[in-house]
Amino acid sequence: MEFRSSGIVLRKQNYGEADRILRIFTQEMGMVSAIAKGVKKIKSRKGGSLELFSEVNLRLMRKLGELFLITEVASKQHPDFTLPQLAVTYKIAEWILALLPPEKPFPEIYELLQVVFKVIPKTEKLSLVELAFGVKFFNDLGYLRNPEDYKDKIRKLLKFLITAQFREILRLEEDTVTFNEVNRILIEIYETETNKTSRVEINTRGWK
């Protein structure tokens, strides 16, 4: 099996002396695990393209099980994040890696990730960007309760963050109490869903 797609590198791990295994969120096939052969060698043409959080064009070939082999790669975009920006980016990547199933496309979330990676370097309101991404992300996955279930300011903020573009969101006046309450909601969702995933993995291992 072979396919071409755009993808965003969300995790990388050294493998052996010259190879690297990557977790890549692709536009065509969703989350995949892939190996880049010889990428750590000085003369490798792939190494510079497969940096963390880079968007790339890929050609992938099925290798073993869930692992693909990267046969071609070309860089599309490599964001230059500061340390505070990286902290937000790692948090967003953590959500995606933990909650998206393998090899299932999520085009709306891929587009959302493209947008947020362009927004992060252009603003100082990083906590608000993280909050907005989280609301949109969990809503797209169907994990967020109906905003009408919440009261007053929280309901209004959730509805706004779900539907608004980032350029509108970044104009918001800070409301620490309401922002913190929405952040608490996101943390609860994340913990609930990751605990479900952990229980499924434990049960599956037990059945074997």
Protein backbone atom coordinates (compact mmCIF):
# COMPACT_ATOMS: atom_id res chain seq x y z
CA MET A 1 0.00 0.00 0.00
CA GLU A 2 1.33 3.42 -0.95
CA PHE A 3 -0.16 6.90 -0.70
CA ARG A 4 0.79 10.57 -0.93
CA SER A 5 -0.39 13.19 1.53
CA SER A 6 0.44 16.35 3.39
CA GLY A 7 1.28 15.71 7.03
CA ILE A 8 2.36 17.44 10.22
CA VAL A 9 5.09 15.85 12.36
CA LEU A 10 3.88 15.61 15.96
CA ARG A 11 6.41 13.25 17.55
CA LYS A 12 9.80 11.82 16.69
CA GLN A 13 11.91 9.11 18.29
CA ASN A 14 15.40 7.94 17.42
CA TYR A 15 15.59 4.34 16.24
CA GLY A 16 18.97 2.66 15.90
CA GLU A 17 21.97 4.65 14.75
CA ALA A 18 20.51 6.44 11.74
CA ASP A 19 16.73 6.02 11.64
CA ARG A 20 13.84 7.81 13.27
CA ILE A 21 10.23 6.78 13.94
CA LEU A 22 7.68 9.56 13.60
CA ARG A 23 4.05 10.10 14.44
CA ILE A 24 2.56 12.14 11.63
CA PHE A 25 -0.94 13.55 11.37
CA THR A 26 -1.71 13.27 7.66
CA GLN A 27 -4.44 14.95 5.68
CA GLU A 28 -5.41 11.85 3.69
CA MET A 29 -5.12 9.06 6.25
CA GLY A 30 -5.13 10.66 9.69
CA MET A 31 -2.58 9.61 12.30
CA VAL A 32 0.17 7.29 11.10
CA SER A 33 3.45 5.93 12.44
CA ALA A 34 6.31 5.98 9.95
CA ILE A 35 10.01 5.24 9.84
CA ALA A 36 12.50 7.55 8.14
CA LYS A 37 15.54 5.50 7.11
CA GLY A 38 18.97 7.11 7.43
CA VAL A 39 17.45 10.43 8.44
CA LYS A 40 20.08 11.08 11.13
CA LYS A 41 22.97 10.81 8.69
CA ILE A 42 24.69 14.09 7.83
CA LYS A 43 24.05 13.62 4.10
CA SER A 44 20.37 12.76 4.51
CA ARG A 45 18.05 14.92 2.41
CA LYS A 46 15.05 14.04 4.57
CA GLY A 47 16.38 15.17 7.95
CA GLY A 48 15.79 18.88 7.52
CA SER A 49 12.21 18.37 6.41
CA LEU A 50 11.10 16.05 9.21
CA GLU A 51 11.54 18.40 12.14
CA LEU A 52 8.95 18.51 14.90
CA PHE A 53 5.78 20.45 13.95
CA SER A 54 6.85 20.81 10.31
CA GLU A 55 4.26 20.36 7.60
CA VAL A 56 5.52 18.18 4.76
CA ASN A 57 4.45 16.46 1.55
CA LEU A 58 4.99 12.73 1.90
CA ARG A 59 4.97 9.51 -0.02
CA LEU A 60 4.42 6.59 2.35
CA MET A 61 4.57 2.84 1.81
CA ARG A 62 3.20 0.24 4.21
CA LYS A 63 6.09 -1.60 5.86
CA LEU A 64 5.15 -3.75 8.85
CA GLY A 65 1.86 -3.73 10.74
CA GLU A 66 0.96 -0.10 11.42
CA LEU A 67 4.40 1.18 10.44
CA PHE A 68 4.91 3.01 7.14
CA LEU A 69 8.15 3.72 5.32
CA ILE A 70 8.77 7.30 4.21
CA THR A 71 10.01 7.07 0.64
CA GLU A 72 9.76 10.76 -0.30
CA VAL A 73 9.44 13.97 1.70
CA ALA A 74 9.40 17.66 0.84
CA SER A 75 8.99 20.51 3.31
CA LYS A 76 5.91 22.76 3.07
CA GLN A 77 6.18 24.80 6.26
CA HIS A 78 8.47 24.80 9.30
CA PRO A 79 7.25 27.13 12.07
CA ASP A 80 9.90 28.88 14.13
CA PHE A 81 8.36 28.81 17.61
CA THR A 82 9.69 30.50 20.74
CA LEU A 83 9.80 28.54 24.01
CA PRO A 84 6.41 29.87 25.24
CA GLN A 85 4.91 29.10 21.85
CA LEU A 86 6.39 25.59 21.94
CA ALA A 87 4.73 24.94 25.29
CA VAL A 88 1.31 25.54 23.73
CA THR A 89 2.23 23.56 20.62
CA TYR A 90 3.31 20.54 22.67
CA LYS A 91 0.01 20.67 24.59
CA ILE A 92 -1.99 20.70 21.36
CA ALA A 93 0.09 17.83 19.96
CA GLU A 94 -0.47 15.87 23.19
CA TRP A 95 -4.26 16.14 22.76
CA ILE A 96 -4.12 15.00 19.14
CA LEU A 97 -1.72 12.11 19.77
CA ALA A 98 -3.72 10.86 22.74
CA LEU A 99 -7.22 11.06 21.29
CA LEU A 100 -7.13 10.51 17.54
CA PRO A 101 -7.34 6.85 16.46
CA PRO A 102 -4.77 5.61 13.91
CA GLU A 103 -5.41 5.82 10.18
CA LYS A 104 -8.73 7.64 10.33
CA PRO A 105 -8.86 10.99 8.50
CA PHE A 106 -10.09 14.10 10.31
CA PRO A 107 -9.92 16.82 7.63
CA GLU A 108 -11.56 19.49 9.82
CA ILE A 109 -9.02 18.92 12.60
CA TYR A 110 -6.14 18.87 10.13
CA GLU A 111 -7.25 22.24 8.78
CA LEU A 112 -7.69 23.54 12.34
CA LEU A 113 -4.12 22.48 13.17
CA GLN A 114 -2.79 24.20 10.06
CA VAL A 115 -4.53 27.41 11.08
CA VAL A 116 -3.44 27.35 14.72
CA PHE A 117 0.21 26.71 13.80
CA LYS A 118 0.07 29.88 11.70
CA VAL A 119 -1.64 31.88 14.45
CA ILE A 120 0.69 30.92 17.33
CA PRO A 121 3.79 32.84 16.10
CA LYS A 122 1.71 36.00 15.53
CA THR A 123 0.16 36.56 18.95
CA GLU A 124 1.01 36.86 22.62
CA LYS A 125 -2.42 35.53 23.66
CA LEU A 126 -1.17 31.96 23.72
CA SER A 127 -3.44 30.76 26.53
CA LEU A 128 -6.45 31.98 24.58
CA VAL A 129 -5.23 30.22 21.42
CA GLU A 130 -4.81 26.99 23.39
CA LEU A 131 -8.27 27.37 24.92
CA ALA A 132 -9.91 28.05 21.54
CA PHE A 133 -8.16 25.12 19.89
CA GLY A 134 -9.22 22.82 22.73
CA VAL A 135 -12.87 23.84 22.47
CA LYS A 136 -12.93 23.43 18.68
CA PHE A 137 -11.00 20.14 18.83
CA PHE A 138 -13.14 18.46 21.50
CA ASN A 139 -16.29 19.75 19.83
CA ASP A 140 -15.23 18.29 16.45
CA LEU A 141 -14.65 14.93 18.15
CA GLY A 142 -18.08 15.08 19.79
CA TYR A 143 -16.69 15.16 23.34
CA LEU A 144 -17.91 18.63 24.27
CA ARG A 145 -21.36 18.87 25.79
CA ASN A 146 -23.95 21.13 24.20
CA PRO A 147 -23.07 24.71 25.23
CA GLU A 148 -26.72 25.19 26.19
CA ASP A 149 -26.07 22.83 29.13
CA TYR A 150 -23.90 25.54 30.72
CA LYS A 151 -24.86 28.83 32.29
CA ASP A 152 -24.42 32.42 31.22
CA LYS A 153 -20.83 33.43 30.43
CA ILE A 154 -19.56 29.88 29.95
CA ARG A 155 -22.34 29.11 27.47
CA LYS A 156 -21.67 32.29 25.51
CA LEU A 157 -17.90 31.74 25.48
CA LEU A 158 -18.18 28.12 24.33
CA LYS A 159 -20.59 29.02 21.51
CA PHE A 160 -18.31 31.84 20.41
CA LEU A 161 -15.11 29.76 20.47
CA ILE A 162 -16.76 26.94 18.50
CA THR A 163 -17.91 29.17 15.64
CA ALA A 164 -15.52 32.16 15.52
CA GLN A 165 -12.35 32.52 13.47
CA PHE A 166 -9.10 33.04 15.36
CA ARG A 167 -8.84 36.66 14.23
CA GLU A 168 -12.14 37.30 16.05
CA ILE A 169 -11.20 35.19 19.05
CA LEU A 170 -7.98 37.13 19.62
CA ARG A 171 -10.00 40.32 20.09
CA LEU A 172 -11.65 38.93 23.22
CA GLU A 173 -11.21 40.77 26.49
CA GLU A 174 -9.70 38.48 29.11
CA ASP A 175 -12.16 37.08 31.64
CA THR A 176 -9.96 35.01 33.93
CA VAL A 177 -12.76 33.34 35.87
CA THR A 178 -14.70 32.22 32.77
CA PHE A 179 -11.55 31.23 30.86
CA ASN A 180 -10.39 29.11 33.81
CA GLU A 181 -13.77 27.41 34.05
CA VAL A 182 -13.73 26.49 30.36
CA ASN A 183 -10.16 25.26 30.75
CA ARG A 184 -11.33 23.06 33.65
CA ILE A 185 -14.01 21.59 31.37
CA LEU A 186 -11.36 20.74 28.75
CA ILE A 187 -9.11 19.10 31.36
CA GLU A 188 -12.02 16.94 32.56
CA ILE A 189 -12.84 15.88 29.00
CA TYR A 190 -9.21 14.99 28.28
CA GLU A 191 -8.83 12.98 31.48
CA THR A 192 -12.11 11.15 30.91
CA GLU A 193 -11.34 10.21 27.31
CA THR A 194 -7.72 9.19 27.93
CA ASN A 195 -8.84 7.02 30.85
CA LYS A 196 -11.32 5.30 28.51
CA THR A 197 -8.50 4.66 26.03
CA SER A 198 -6.26 3.26 28.77
CA ARG A 199 -8.98 0.87 29.95
CA VAL A 200 -9.56 -0.40 26.41
CA GLU A 201 -5.82 -1.04 25.95
CA ILE A 202 -5.59 -2.88 29.28
CA ASN A 203 -8.64 -5.02 28.49
CA THR A 204 -7.33 -5.82 25.01
CA ARG A 205 -4.01 -7.00 26.45
CA GLY A 206 -5.91 -9.11 28.97
CA TRP A 207 -7.92 -10.84 26.25
CA LYS A 208 -4.74 -11.88 24.52
